[in-house]
PDB file of N, CA and C in Angstrom:
ATOM      1  N   MET A   1       0.876  -1.189  -0.114  1.00  0.00           N
ATOM      2  CA  MET A   1       0.132  -0.160  -0.092  1.00  0.00           C
ATOM      3  C   MET A   1       0.720   1.120  -0.173  1.00  0.00           C
ATOM      4  N   ASN A   2       0.529   2.041  -0.804  1.00  0.00           N
ATOM      5  CA  ASN A   2       1.517   3.467  -0.757  1.00  0.00           C
ATOM      6  C   ASN A   2       0.803   4.322  -0.159  1.00  0.00           C
ATOM      7  N   HIS A   3       1.567   5.492  -0.003  1.00  0.00           N
ATOM      8  CA  HIS A   3       1.127   6.799   0.796  1.00  0.00           C
ATOM      9  C   HIS A   3      -0.344   7.088   0.368  1.00  0.00           C
ATOM     10  N   TYR A   4      -0.313   7.552  -1.023  1.00  0.00           N
ATOM     11  CA  TYR A   4      -1.717   7.805  -1.378  1.00  0.00           C
ATOM     12  C   TYR A   4      -2.839   7.043  -1.216  1.00  0.00           C
ATOM     13  N   GLN A   5      -2.799   5.748  -1.230  1.00  0.00           N
ATOM     14  CA  GLN A   5      -3.703   4.709  -0.812  1.00  0.00           C
ATOM     15  C   GLN A   5      -3.923   4.615   0.679  1.00  0.00           C
ATOM     16  N   LEU A   6      -2.715   5.093   1.319  1.00  0.00           N
ATOM     17  CA  LEU A   6      -2.840   4.854   2.807  1.00  0.00           C
ATOM     18  C   LEU A   6      -3.892   6.310   3.134  1.00  0.00           C
ATOM     19  N   LEU A   7      -3.530   7.263   2.442  1.00  0.00           N
ATOM     20  CA  LEU A   7      -4.270   8.486   2.729  1.00  0.00           C
ATOM     21  C   LEU A   7      -5.737   8.559   2.495  1.00  0.00           C
ATOM     22  N   THR A   8      -6.017   7.914   1.090  1.00  0.00           N
ATOM     23  CA  THR A   8      -7.595   7.914   0.699  1.00  0.00           C
ATOM     24  C   THR A   8      -8.348   6.624   1.625  1.00  0.00           C
ATOM     25  N   ASN A   9      -7.730   5.800   2.019  1.00  0.00           N
ATOM     26  CA  ASN A   9      -8.405   4.800   2.895  1.00  0.00           C
ATOM     27  C   ASN A   9      -8.561   5.147   4.305  1.00  0.00           C
ATOM     28  N   SER A  10      -7.760   6.158   4.992  1.00  0.00           N
ATOM     29  CA  SER A  10      -7.734   6.375   6.099  1.00  0.00           C
ATOM     30  C   SER A  10      -8.786   7.313   6.638  1.00  0.00           C
ATOM     31  N   MET A  11      -9.026   7.661   7.887  1.00  0.00           N
ATOM     32  CA  MET A  11     -10.103   8.550   8.431  1.00  0.00           C
ATOM     33  C   MET A  11      -9.141   9.857   9.129  1.00  0.00           C
ATOM     34  N   CYS A  12      -9.590  11.110   8.933  1.00  0.00           N
ATOM     35  CA  CYS A  12      -8.866  12.153   9.467  1.00  0.00           C
ATOM     36  C   CYS A  12      -9.417  12.200  10.755  1.00  0.00           C
ATOM     37  N   VAL A  13      -8.578  12.242  11.999  1.00  0.00           N
ATOM     38  CA  VAL A  13      -8.839  12.544  13.226  1.00  0.00           C
ATOM     39  C   VAL A  13      -9.672  13.557  13.604  1.00  0.00           C
ATOM     40  N   LEU A  14      -9.152  14.722  13.193  1.00  0.00           N
ATOM     41  CA  LEU A  14      -9.657  15.839  13.447  1.00  0.00           C
ATOM     42  C   LEU A  14     -10.976  15.957  12.937  1.00  0.00           C
ATOM     43  N   CYS A  15     -11.276  16.029  11.430  1.00  0.00           N
ATOM     44  CA  CYS A  15     -12.345  16.263  10.787  1.00  0.00           C
ATOM     45  C   CYS A  15     -13.362  15.178  10.861  1.00  0.00           C
ATOM     46  N   SER A  16     -12.987  13.667  10.939  1.00  0.00           N
ATOM     47  CA  SER A  16     -13.775  12.571  10.406  1.00  0.00           C
ATOM     48  C   SER A  16     -14.085  12.377   9.296  1.00  0.00           C
ATOM     49  N   VAL A  17     -13.393  13.021   8.168  1.00  0.00           N
ATOM     50  CA  VAL A  17     -13.637  12.619   6.771  1.00  0.00           C
ATOM     51  C   VAL A  17     -13.020  11.618   6.243  1.00  0.00           C
ATOM     52  N   LYS A  18     -13.729  10.683   5.388  1.00  0.00           N
ATOM     53  CA  LYS A  18     -13.419   9.446   5.024  1.00  0.00           C
ATOM     54  C   LYS A  18     -14.209   9.503   3.534  1.00  0.00           C
ATOM     55  N   PRO A  19     -13.514   8.959   2.426  1.00  0.00           N
ATOM     56  CA  PRO A  19     -12.365   9.013   2.048  1.00  0.00           C
ATOM     57  C   PRO A  19     -11.680  10.395   1.662  1.00  0.00           C
ATOM     58  N   PHE A  20     -10.292  10.728   1.551  1.00  0.00           N
ATOM     59  CA  PHE A  20      -9.896  11.966   1.101  1.00  0.00           C
ATOM     60  C   PHE A  20      -9.811  11.998  -0.324  1.00  0.00           C
ATOM     61  N   SER A  21     -10.428  12.971  -0.960  1.00  0.00           N
ATOM     62  CA  SER A  21      -9.982  13.131  -2.451  1.00  0.00           C
ATOM     63  C   SER A  21      -8.802  13.786  -2.545  1.00  0.00           C
ATOM     64  N   PRO A  22      -8.182  13.815  -3.756  1.00  0.00           N
ATOM     65  CA  PRO A  22      -6.866  14.510  -3.872  1.00  0.00           C
ATOM     66  C   PRO A  22      -6.794  16.079  -3.643  1.00  0.00           C
ATOM     67  N   ILE A  23      -7.992  16.571  -3.793  1.00  0.00           N
ATOM     68  CA  ILE A  23      -7.850  18.110  -3.240  1.00  0.00           C
ATOM     69  C   ILE A  23      -8.062  18.320  -1.764  1.00  0.00           C
ATOM     70  N   ILE A  24      -8.802  17.433  -1.369  1.00  0.00           N
ATOM     71  CA  ILE A  24      -8.801  17.602   0.147  1.00  0.00           C
ATOM     72  C   ILE A  24      -7.392  17.056   0.723  1.00  0.00           C
ATOM     73  N   ILE A  25      -6.557  16.205   0.169  1.00  0.00           N
ATOM     74  CA  ILE A  25      -5.380  15.867   0.539  1.00  0.00           C
ATOM     75  C   ILE A  25      -4.552  17.241   0.498  1.00  0.00           C
ATOM     76  N   ILE A  26      -4.449  17.864  -0.561  1.00  0.00           N
ATOM     77  CA  ILE A  26      -3.695  19.289  -0.691  1.00  0.00           C
ATOM     78  C   ILE A  26      -4.315  20.412   0.446  1.00  0.00           C
ATOM     79  N   LEU A  27      -5.353  20.278   0.588  1.00  0.00           N
ATOM     80  CA  LEU A  27      -5.781  21.404   1.334  1.00  0.00           C
ATOM     81  C   LEU A  27      -6.021  21.271   2.742  1.00  0.00           C
ATOM     82  N   HIS A  28      -6.140  19.939   3.185  1.00  0.00           N
ATOM     83  CA  HIS A  28      -6.459  19.525   4.526  1.00  0.00           C
ATOM     84  C   HIS A  28      -5.340  20.194   5.480  1.00  0.00           C
ATOM     85  N   PRO A  29      -3.856  19.975   5.142  1.00  0.00           N
ATOM     86  CA  PRO A  29      -3.303  20.756   6.624  1.00  0.00           C
ATOM     87  C   PRO A  29      -3.555  22.280   6.596  1.00  0.00           C
ATOM     88  N   GLN A  30      -3.797  22.889   5.318  1.00  0.00           N
ATOM     89  CA  GLN A  30      -3.891  24.355   5.381  1.00  0.00           C
ATOM     90  C   GLN A  30      -5.171  24.562   6.349  1.00  0.00           C
ATOM     91  N   TYR A  31      -6.129  23.689   6.155  1.00  0.00           N
ATOM     92  CA  TYR A  31      -7.673  24.202   6.738  1.00  0.00           C
ATOM     93  C   TYR A  31      -7.074  23.697   8.493  1.00  0.00           C
ATOM     94  N   CYS A  32      -6.594  22.446   8.624  1.00  0.00           N
ATOM     95  CA  CYS A  32      -6.074  22.468   9.987  1.00  0.00           C
ATOM     96  C   CYS A  32      -5.476  23.418  10.680  1.00  0.00           C
ATOM     97  N   VAL A  33      -4.246  23.970  10.000  1.00  0.00           N
ATOM     98  CA  VAL A  33      -3.497  25.270  10.478  1.00  0.00           C
ATOM     99  C   VAL A  33      -4.264  26.641  10.463  1.00  0.00           C
ATOM    100  N   ASN A  34      -5.095  26.733   9.512  1.00  0.00           N
ATOM    101  CA  ASN A  34      -5.652  28.134   9.401  1.00  0.00           C
ATOM    102  C   ASN A  34      -6.907  28.278  10.283  1.00  0.00           C
ATOM    103  N   ILE A  35      -7.932  26.836  10.332  1.00  0.00           N
ATOM    104  CA  ILE A  35      -9.028  27.212  10.722  1.00  0.00           C
ATOM    105  C   ILE A  35      -9.015  26.306  12.194  1.00  0.00           C
ATOM    106  N   LEU A  36      -8.767  25.055  12.151  1.00  0.00           N
ATOM    107  CA  LEU A  36      -9.047  24.422  13.263  1.00  0.00           C
ATOM    108  C   LEU A  36      -7.995  24.606  14.488  1.00  0.00           C
ATOM    109  N   LEU A  37      -6.686  24.924  14.412  1.00  0.00           N
ATOM    110  CA  LEU A  37      -5.995  25.472  15.287  1.00  0.00           C
ATOM    111  C   LEU A  37      -6.282  26.534  15.987  1.00  0.00           C
ATOM    112  N   PRO A  38      -6.540  27.890  15.373  1.00  0.00           N
ATOM    113  CA  PRO A  38      -6.885  28.939  16.068  1.00  0.00           C
ATOM    114  C   PRO A  38      -8.055  28.766  16.751  1.00  0.00           C
ATOM    115  N   GLU A  39      -9.235  28.239  16.279  1.00  0.00           N
ATOM    116  CA  GLU A  39     -10.266  27.743  17.111  1.00  0.00           C
ATOM    117  C   GLU A  39     -10.237  26.975  18.273  1.00  0.00           C
ATOM    118  N   ALA A  40      -9.187  26.064  18.171  1.00  0.00           N
ATOM    119  CA  ALA A  40      -8.797  24.860  19.337  1.00  0.00           C
ATOM    120  C   ALA A  40      -8.121  25.987  20.495  1.00  0.00           C
ATOM    121  N   ILE A  41      -7.165  26.964  19.906  1.00  0.00           N
ATOM    122  CA  ILE A  41      -6.749  27.793  21.000  1.00  0.00           C
ATOM    123  C   ILE A  41      -7.708  28.585  21.835  1.00  0.00           C
ATOM    124  N   GLN A  42      -8.607  29.009  20.884  1.00  0.00           N
ATOM    125  CA  GLN A  42      -9.669  29.969  21.365  1.00  0.00           C
ATOM    126  C   GLN A  42     -10.514  29.524  22.633  1.00  0.00           C
ATOM    127  N   GLN A  43     -10.790  28.012  22.152  1.00  0.00           N
ATOM    128  CA  GLN A  43     -11.506  27.199  23.101  1.00  0.00           C
ATOM    129  C   GLN A  43     -10.838  26.831  24.142  1.00  0.00           C
ATOM    130  N   LEU A  44      -9.594  26.596  24.241  1.00  0.00           N
ATOM    131  CA  LEU A  44      -8.536  26.305  25.258  1.00  0.00           C
ATOM    132  C   LEU A  44      -8.748  27.517  26.281  1.00  0.00           C
ATOM    133  N   LEU A  45      -8.424  28.644  25.368  1.00  0.00           N
ATOM    134  CA  LEU A  45      -8.500  29.938  26.549  1.00  0.00           C
ATOM    135  C   LEU A  45      -9.700  30.038  27.226  1.00  0.00           C
ATOM    136  N   LEU A  46     -10.824  30.029  26.330  1.00  0.00           N
ATOM    137  CA  LEU A  46     -11.897  30.034  27.312  1.00  0.00           C
ATOM    138  C   LEU A  46     -12.256  29.025  28.499  1.00  0.00           C
ATOM    139  N   TRP A  47     -11.827  27.745  28.189  1.00  0.00           N
ATOM    140  CA  TRP A  47     -11.720  26.962  29.124  1.00  0.00           C
ATOM    141  C   TRP A  47     -11.121  27.139  30.631  1.00  0.00           C
ATOM    142  N   ARG A  48      -9.830  27.596  30.169  1.00  0.00           N
ATOM    143  CA  ARG A  48      -8.927  28.332  30.977  1.00  0.00           C
ATOM    144  C   ARG A  48      -9.394  29.195  31.969  1.00  0.00           C
ATOM    145  N   SER A  49      -9.932  30.169  31.278  1.00  0.00           N
ATOM    146  CA  SER A  49     -10.676  31.431  31.965  1.00  0.00           C
ATOM    147  C   SER A  49     -11.726  30.877  32.789  1.00  0.00           C
ATOM    148  N   GLY A  50     -12.522  29.930  32.363  1.00  0.00           N
ATOM    149  CA  GLY A  50     -13.900  29.626  33.161  1.00  0.00           C
ATOM    150  C   GLY A  50     -14.853  30.000  32.442  1.00  0.00           C
ATOM    151  N   GLU A  51     -14.793  30.641  31.200  1.00  0.00           N
ATOM    152  CA  GLU A  51     -15.932  31.301  30.383  1.00  0.00           C
ATOM    153  C   GLU A  51     -16.772  30.220  29.722  1.00  0.00           C
ATOM    154  N   ARG A  52     -15.954  29.138  29.471  1.00  0.00           N
ATOM    155  CA  ARG A  52     -16.772  27.817  28.781  1.00  0.00           C
ATOM    156  C   ARG A  52     -16.549  26.803  29.980  1.00  0.00           C
ATOM    157  N   THR A  53     -17.918  26.199  30.374  1.00  0.00           N
ATOM    158  CA  THR A  53     -17.729  25.178  31.352  1.00  0.00           C
ATOM    159  C   THR A  53     -18.557  24.103  30.845  1.00  0.00           C
ATOM    160  N   THR A  54     -18.952  23.959  29.701  1.00  0.00           N
ATOM    161  CA  THR A  54     -19.408  22.540  29.173  1.00  0.00           C
ATOM    162  C   THR A  54     -18.697  22.353  27.641  1.00  0.00           C
ATOM    163  N   ALA A  55     -18.552  21.159  27.217  1.00  0.00           N
ATOM    164  CA  ALA A  55     -18.223  20.795  25.996  1.00  0.00           C
ATOM    165  C   ALA A  55     -19.397  20.784  24.853  1.00  0.00           C
ATOM    166  N   SER A  56     -20.543  20.765  25.411  1.00  0.00           N
ATOM    167  CA  SER A  56     -21.770  20.421  24.670  1.00  0.00           C
ATOM    168  C   SER A  56     -22.039  22.062  23.911  1.00  0.00           C
ATOM    169  N   LEU A  57     -22.781  21.941  23.017  1.00  0.00           N
ATOM    170  CA  LEU A  57     -22.996  23.140  22.039  1.00  0.00           C
ATOM    171  C   LEU A  57     -23.897  24.088  22.998  1.00  0.00           C
ATOM    172  N   LEU A  58     -23.993  25.394  22.815  1.00  0.00           N
ATOM    173  CA  LEU A  58     -24.814  26.453  23.684  1.00  0.00           C
ATOM    174  C   LEU A  58     -25.571  26.595  22.668  1.00  0.00           C
ATOM    175  N   SER A  59     -26.454  27.756  22.982  1.00  0.00           N
ATOM    176  CA  SER A  59     -27.337  28.423  21.851  1.00  0.00           C
ATOM    177  C   SER A  59     -26.289  29.138  20.937  1.00  0.00           C
ATOM    178  N   HIS A  60     -27.103  29.567  19.968  1.00  0.00           N
ATOM    179  CA  HIS A  60     -26.403  30.365  18.786  1.00  0.00           C
ATOM    180  C   HIS A  60     -25.556  31.605  19.315  1.00  0.00           C
ATOM    181  N   ALA A  61     -26.662  32.203  19.800  1.00  0.00           N
ATOM    182  CA  ALA A  61     -25.904  33.659  20.392  1.00  0.00           C
ATOM    183  C   ALA A  61     -24.930  33.438  21.501  1.00  0.00           C
ATOM    184  N   GLU A  62     -24.990  32.262  22.314  1.00  0.00           N
ATOM    185  CA  GLU A  62     -23.993  32.371  23.263  1.00  0.00           C
ATOM    186  C   GLU A  62     -22.681  31.903  22.774  1.00  0.00           C
ATOM    187  N   GLU A  63     -22.718  30.757  21.795  1.00  0.00           N
ATOM    188  CA  GLU A  63     -21.572  30.590  20.832  1.00  0.00           C
ATOM    189  C   GLU A  63     -20.806  31.458  20.254  1.00  0.00           C
ATOM    190  N   GLU A  64     -21.726  32.681  19.496  1.00  0.00           N
ATOM    191  CA  GLU A  64     -20.987  33.562  19.021  1.00  0.00           C
ATOM    192  C   GLU A  64     -20.427  34.598  19.981  1.00  0.00           C
ATOM    193  N   ARG A  65     -20.776  34.685  21.110  1.00  0.00           N
ATOM    194  CA  ARG A  65     -20.385  35.617  22.271  1.00  0.00           C
ATOM    195  C   ARG A  65     -18.997  34.944  22.583  1.00  0.00           C
ATOM    196  N   LEU A  66     -19.020  33.730  23.224  1.00  0.00           N
ATOM    197  CA  LEU A  66     -17.916  32.952  23.188  1.00  0.00           C
ATOM    198  C   LEU A  66     -16.749  33.110  22.124  1.00  0.00           C
ATOM    199  N   HIS A  67     -17.152  32.966  21.057  1.00  0.00           N
ATOM    200  CA  HIS A  67     -16.426  33.068  19.835  1.00  0.00           C
ATOM    201  C   HIS A  67     -15.715  34.410  19.764  1.00  0.00           C
ATOM    202  N   GLU A  68     -16.425  35.511  20.337  1.00  0.00           N
ATOM    203  CA  GLU A  68     -15.982  36.653  19.863  1.00  0.00           C
ATOM    204  C   GLU A  68     -14.723  37.057  21.222  1.00  0.00           C
ATOM    205  N   ARG A  69     -15.154  36.491  22.405  1.00  0.00           N
ATOM    206  CA  ARG A  69     -14.577  36.574  23.688  1.00  0.00           C
ATOM    207  C   ARG A  69     -13.177  35.614  23.381  1.00  0.00           C
ATOM    208  N   GLY A  70     -13.294  34.602  22.907  1.00  0.00           N
ATOM    209  CA  GLY A  70     -12.047  33.734  22.356  1.00  0.00           C
ATOM    210  C   GLY A  70     -11.065  34.584  21.621  1.00  0.00           C
ATOM    211  N   SER A  71     -11.359  35.162  20.513  1.00  0.00           N
ATOM    212  CA  SER A  71     -10.752  36.042  19.671  1.00  0.00           C
ATOM    213  C   SER A  71     -10.041  37.141  20.525  1.00  0.00           C
ATOM    214  N   ALA A  72     -10.901  37.549  21.335  1.00  0.00           N
ATOM    215  CA  ALA A  72     -10.224  38.756  22.088  1.00  0.00           C
ATOM    216  C   ALA A  72      -9.128  38.144  23.134  1.00  0.00           C
ATOM    217  N   LYS A  73      -9.340  37.168  23.819  1.00  0.00           N
ATOM    218  CA  LYS A  73      -8.492  36.300  24.589  1.00  0.00           C
ATOM    219  C   LYS A  73      -7.273  36.039  23.746  1.00  0.00           C
ATOM    220  N   ALA A  74      -7.300  35.443  22.704  1.00  0.00           N
ATOM    221  CA  ALA A  74      -6.238  35.075  21.738  1.00  0.00           C
ATOM    222  C   ALA A  74      -5.262  36.252  21.436  1.00  0.00           C
ATOM    223  N   GLN A  75      -5.781  37.508  21.087  1.00  0.00           N
ATOM    224  CA  GLN A  75      -4.975  38.639  20.847  1.00  0.00           C
ATOM    225  C   GLN A  75      -4.561  39.232  22.074  1.00  0.00           C
ATOM    226  N   GLU A  76      -4.707  39.122  23.198  1.00  0.00           N
ATOM    227  CA  GLU A  76      -4.212  39.453  24.354  1.00  0.00           C
ATOM    228  C   GLU A  76      -2.606  38.879  24.780  1.00  0.00           C
ATOM    229  N   THR A  77      -1.766  39.842  25.230  1.00  0.00           N
ATOM    230  CA  THR A  77      -0.529  39.471  25.422  1.00  0.00           C
ATOM    231  C   THR A  77      -0.355  39.596  26.850  1.00  0.00           C
ATOM    232  N   ASP A  78       0.843  38.796  27.541  1.00  0.00           N
ATOM    233  CA  ASP A  78       1.227  39.243  28.539  1.00  0.00           C
ATOM    234  C   ASP A  78       2.155  40.399  28.937  1.00  0.00           C
ATOM    235  N   TRP A  79       1.831  41.422  29.466  1.00  0.00           N
ATOM    236  CA  TRP A  79       2.486  42.664  29.607  1.00  0.00           C
ATOM    237  C   TRP A  79       3.954  42.337  30.169  1.00  0.00           C
ATOM    238  N   VAL A  80       4.112  41.470  30.881  1.00  0.00           N
ATOM    239  CA  VAL A  80       5.775  41.277  31.196  1.00  0.00           C
ATOM    240  C   VAL A  80       6.422  40.751  30.215  1.00  0.00           C
ATOM    241  N   PHE A  81       6.205  39.863  29.276  1.00  0.00           N
ATOM    242  CA  PHE A  81       6.892  39.338  28.432  1.00  0.00           C
ATOM    243  C   PHE A  81       6.898  40.816  27.262  1.00  0.00           C
ATOM    244  N   ASP A  82       5.883  41.555  27.202  1.00  0.00           N
ATOM    245  CA  ASP A  82       6.021  42.727  25.800  1.00  0.00           C
ATOM    246  C   ASP A  82       7.118  43.684  26.614  1.00  0.00           C
ATOM    247  N   LEU A  83       7.104  43.978  27.890  1.00  0.00           N
ATOM    248  CA  LEU A  83       8.208  44.916  28.613  1.00  0.00           C
ATOM    249  C   LEU A  83       9.634  44.288  28.231  1.00  0.00           C
ATOM    250  N   LEU A  84       9.687  42.838  28.582  1.00  0.00           N
ATOM    251  CA  LEU A  84      11.172  42.218  28.433  1.00  0.00           C
ATOM    252  C   LEU A  84      11.497  42.501  26.648  1.00  0.00           C
ATOM    253  N   ARG A  85      10.743  42.224  26.006  1.00  0.00           N
ATOM    254  CA  ARG A  85      10.882  42.139  24.443  1.00  0.00           C
ATOM    255  C   ARG A  85      11.278  43.691  24.170  1.00  0.00           C
ATOM    256  N   LEU A  86      10.643  44.704  24.863  1.00  0.00           N
ATOM    257  CA  LEU A  86      10.964  46.120  24.205  1.00  0.00           C
ATOM    258  C   LEU A  86      12.359  46.418  25.028  1.00  0.00           C
ATOM    259  N   ARG A  87      12.590  45.771  26.228  1.00  0.00           N
ATOM    260  CA  ARG A  87      14.019  46.042  26.775  1.00  0.00           C
ATOM    261  C   ARG A  87      14.967  45.422  26.083  1.00  0.00           C
ATOM    262  N   GLU A  88      14.900  44.149  25.481  1.00  0.00           N
ATOM    263  CA  GLU A  88      15.871  43.645  24.688  1.00  0.00           C
ATOM    264  C   GLU A  88      16.099  44.346  23.467  1.00  0.00           C
ATOM    265  N   ALA A  89      14.930  44.908  22.779  1.00  0.00           N
ATOM    266  CA  ALA A  89      15.238  45.518  21.734  1.00  0.00           C
ATOM    267  C   ALA A  89      15.719  46.973  21.795  1.00  0.00           C
ATOM    268  N   GLN A  90      15.422  47.502  23.041  1.00  0.00           N
ATOM    269  CA  GLN A  90      16.259  48.856  23.180  1.00  0.00           C
ATOM    270  C   GLN A  90      17.892  48.594  23.416  1.00  0.00           C
ATOM    271  N   ALA A  91      17.953  47.317  24.159  1.00  0.00           N
ATOM    272  CA  ALA A  91      19.413  47.242  24.378  1.00  0.00           C
ATOM    273  C   ALA A  91      20.151  46.943  23.295  1.00  0.00           C
ATOM    274  N   ARG A  92      19.627  46.029  22.429  1.00  0.00           N
ATOM    275  CA  ARG A  92      20.258  45.805  20.712  1.00  0.00           C
ATOM    276  C   ARG A  92      20.428  47.155  20.172  1.00  0.00           C
ATOM    277  N   LEU A  93      19.385  48.202  20.140  1.00  0.00           N
ATOM    278  CA  LEU A  93      19.543  49.297  19.585  1.00  0.00           C
ATOM    279  C   LEU A  93      20.785  50.090  19.962  1.00  0.00           C
ATOM    280  N   TRP A  94      20.813  50.111  21.558  1.00  0.00           N
ATOM    281  CA  TRP A  94      21.922  50.990  22.250  1.00  0.00           C
ATOM    282  C   TRP A  94      23.101  50.018  22.209  1.00  0.00           C
ATOM    283  N   GLY A  95      23.477  48.879  21.540  1.00  0.00           N
ATOM    284  CA  GLY A  95      24.477  47.857  21.824  1.00  0.00           C
ATOM    285  C   GLY A  95      24.943  47.512  23.214  1.00  0.00           C
ATOM    286  N   VAL A  96      24.001  47.368  24.138  1.00  0.00           N
ATOM    287  CA  VAL A  96      24.254  46.854  25.464  1.00  0.00           C
ATOM    288  C   VAL A  96      24.169  45.465  25.798  1.00  0.00           C
ATOM    289  N   ASP A  97      24.803  44.833  26.338  1.00  0.00           N
ATOM    290  CA  ASP A  97      24.722  43.171  26.405  1.00  0.00           C
ATOM    291  C   ASP A  97      24.111  43.060  27.832  1.00  0.00           C
ATOM    292  N   LEU A  98      22.910  42.894  27.956  1.00  0.00           N
ATOM    293  CA  LEU A  98      21.945  42.864  29.279  1.00  0.00           C
ATOM    294  C   LEU A  98      22.500  41.707  29.932  1.00  0.00           C
ATOM    295  N   LYS A  99      23.114  40.389  29.463  1.00  0.00           N
ATOM    296  CA  LYS A  99      23.640  39.388  30.149  1.00  0.00           C
ATOM    297  C   LYS A  99      24.895  39.735  30.769  1.00  0.00           C
ATOM    298  N   ALA A 100      25.704  40.698  30.116  1.00  0.00           N
ATOM    299  CA  ALA A 100      27.239  41.006  30.757  1.00  0.00           C
ATOM    300  C   ALA A 100      26.958  41.933  31.744  1.00  0.00           C
ATOM    301  N   LYS A 101      25.935  42.976  31.783  1.00  0.00           N
ATOM    302  CA  LYS A 101      25.620  43.907  32.670  1.00  0.00           C
ATOM    303  C   LYS A 101      25.747  43.542  34.054  1.00  0.00           C
ATOM    304  N   GLY A 102      25.232  42.363  34.417  1.00  0.00           N
ATOM    305  CA  GLY A 102      24.992  41.966  35.845  1.00  0.00           C
ATOM    306  C   GLY A 102      26.472  41.303  36.423  1.00  0.00           C
ATOM    307  N   LYS A 103      27.322  40.765  35.370  1.00  0.00           N
ATOM    308  CA  LYS A 103      28.498  40.478  35.692  1.00  0.00           C
ATOM    309  C   LYS A 103      29.434  41.134  36.302  1.00  0.00           C
ATOM    310  N   GLY A 104      29.365  42.433  36.029  1.00  0.00           N
ATOM    311  CA  GLY A 104      30.415  43.418  36.311  1.00  0.00           C
ATOM    312  C   GLY A 104      30.238  43.763  37.873  1.00  0.00           C
ATOM    313  N   LYS A 105      29.198  43.708  38.270  1.00  0.00           N
ATOM    314  CA  LYS A 105      28.599  44.006  39.696  1.00  0.00           C
ATOM    315  C   LYS A 105      29.467  42.982  40.550  1.00  0.00           C
ATOM    316  N   ASP A 106      29.664  41.660  40.080  1.00  0.00           N
ATOM    317  CA  ASP A 106      30.272  40.819  41.123  1.00  0.00           C
ATOM    318  C   ASP A 106      31.739  40.811  41.214  1.00  0.00           C
ATOM    319  N   LYS A 107      32.379  41.483  40.212  1.00  0.00           N
ATOM    320  CA  LYS A 107      33.799  41.775  40.399  1.00  0.00           C
ATOM    321  C   LYS A 107      33.913  42.570  41.649  1.00  0.00           C
ATOM    322  N   GLY A 108      35.286  42.277  42.189  1.00  0.00           N
ATOM    323  CA  GLY A 108      35.698  43.031  43.447  1.00  0.00           C
ATOM    324  C   GLY A 108      35.787  42.241  44.559  1.00  0.00           C
ATOM    325  N   GLY A 109      36.319  42.638  45.602  1.00  0.00           N
ATOM    326  CA  GLY A 109      36.404  41.736  46.867  1.00  0.00           C
ATOM    327  C   GLY A 109      35.000  41.819  47.944  1.00  0.00           C
ATOM    328  N   GLU A 110      34.014  42.217  47.450  1.00  0.00           N
ATOM    329  CA  GLU A 110      32.757  42.345  47.916  1.00  0.00           C
ATOM    330  C   GLU A 110      32.001  41.306  48.434  1.00  0.00           C
ATOM    331  N   VAL A 111      31.871  40.847  49.784  1.00  0.00           N
ATOM    332  CA  VAL A 111      31.242  39.663  50.318  1.00  0.00           C
ATOM    333  C   VAL A 111      29.710  39.696  49.619  1.00  0.00           C
ATOM    334  N   ARG A 112      29.122  38.903  48.982  1.00  0.00           N
ATOM    335  CA  ARG A 112      27.777  39.013  48.597  1.00  0.00           C
ATOM    336  C   ARG A 112      26.922  38.402  50.095  1.00  0.00           C
ATOM    337  N   GLY A 113      25.779  38.895  50.244  1.00  0.00           N
ATOM    338  CA  GLY A 113      24.990  38.431  51.194  1.00  0.00           C
ATOM    339  C   GLY A 113      24.226  39.775  52.000  1.00  0.00           C
ATOM    340  N   GLY A 114      23.324  39.335  52.698  1.00  0.00           N
ATOM    341  CA  GLY A 114      22.672  40.396  53.317  1.00  0.00           C
ATOM    342  C   GLY A 114      21.613  41.324  52.494  1.00  0.00           C
ATOM    343  N   THR A 115      21.338  42.485  52.773  1.00  0.00           N
ATOM    344  CA  THR A 115      20.196  43.121  52.084  1.00  0.00           C
ATOM    345  C   THR A 115      20.918  44.352  51.849  1.00  0.00           C
ATOM    346  N   ARG A 116      20.325  45.017  50.754  1.00  0.00           N
ATOM    347  CA  ARG A 116      20.665  46.355  50.242  1.00  0.00           C
ATOM    348  C   ARG A 116      21.004  47.470  51.622  1.00  0.00           C
ATOM    349  N   SER A 117      19.942  47.309  52.505  1.00  0.00           N
ATOM    350  CA  SER A 117      20.132  48.254  53.557  1.00  0.00           C
ATOM    351  C   SER A 117      20.809  47.922  54.666  1.00  0.00           C
ATOM    352  N   ARG A 118      21.110  46.579  54.597  1.00  0.00           N
ATOM    353  CA  ARG A 118      21.921  45.906  55.741  1.00  0.00           C
ATOM    354  C   ARG A 118      22.942  45.128  55.235  1.00  0.00           C
ATOM    355  N   PRO A 119      23.899  45.606  54.511  1.00  0.00           N
ATOM    356  CA  PRO A 119      24.948  44.475  53.785  1.00  0.00           C
ATOM    357  C   PRO A 119      25.404  43.688  54.866  1.00  0.00           C
ATOM    358  N   ARG A 120      26.173  42.640  54.358  1.00  0.00           N
ATOM    359  CA  ARG A 120      26.736  41.491  55.200  1.00  0.00           C
ATOM    360  C   ARG A 120      28.086  42.341  55.538  1.00  0.00           C
ATOM    361  N   LYS A 121      28.701  42.171  56.611  1.00  0.00           N
ATOM    362  CA  LYS A 121      30.182  42.689  56.922  1.00  0.00           C
ATOM    363  C   LYS A 121      30.924  41.561  57.121  1.00  0.00           C
ATOM    364  N   VAL A 122      32.068  41.888  56.446  1.00  0.00           N
ATOM    365  CA  VAL A 122      33.375  41.040  56.408  1.00  0.00           C
ATOM    366  C   VAL A 122      34.051  40.919  57.868  1.00  0.00           C
ATOM    367  N   THR A 123      34.021  40.102  58.303  1.00  0.00           N
ATOM    368  CA  THR A 123      34.625  39.916  59.671  1.00  0.00           C
ATOM    369  C   THR A 123      36.270  39.448  59.301  1.00  0.00           C
ATOM    370  N   VAL A 124      37.092  40.242  60.278  1.00  0.00           N
ATOM    371  CA  VAL A 124      38.375  40.062  59.805  1.00  0.00           C
ATOM    372  C   VAL A 124      39.024  39.113  61.156  1.00  0.00           C
ATOM    373  N   PRO A 125      39.833  38.114  60.774  1.00  0.00           N
ATOM    374  CA  PRO A 125      40.134  37.164  62.229  1.00  0.00           C
ATOM    375  C   PRO A 125      41.263  37.947  62.802  1.00  0.00           C
ATOM    376  N   ARG A 126      41.047  37.781  64.069  1.00  0.00           N
ATOM    377  CA  ARG A 126      42.275  38.591  65.066  1.00  0.00           C
ATOM    378  C   ARG A 126      43.290  37.730  65.314  1.00  0.00           C
TER     379      ARG A 126
END
């Protein structure tokens, strides 16, 4: 059995479509990536936020509302990661190495520990 025969005789797990026609074989990956994946992400975000509480279909108006809410949630970003990306972009713009910046503070004979307001004191043996 060759690859084409295997595809035409098998059933799609996501769509439950059988058998595949040649055009569906070509368009199926695009459909999964462009349609099913974003919808699945929206549904997972709705479950995670607690806005969707049942797997069964709701009324058409409620499903539309949840779809709009899921689309909005998919567009949201975490502001912490946004700030870190902006900081890294500005550091690249100014030529600053953020990873090497903290290493310069560790140089010197200073003993680490304590707090900023109450630094650890070095005891000298007598």
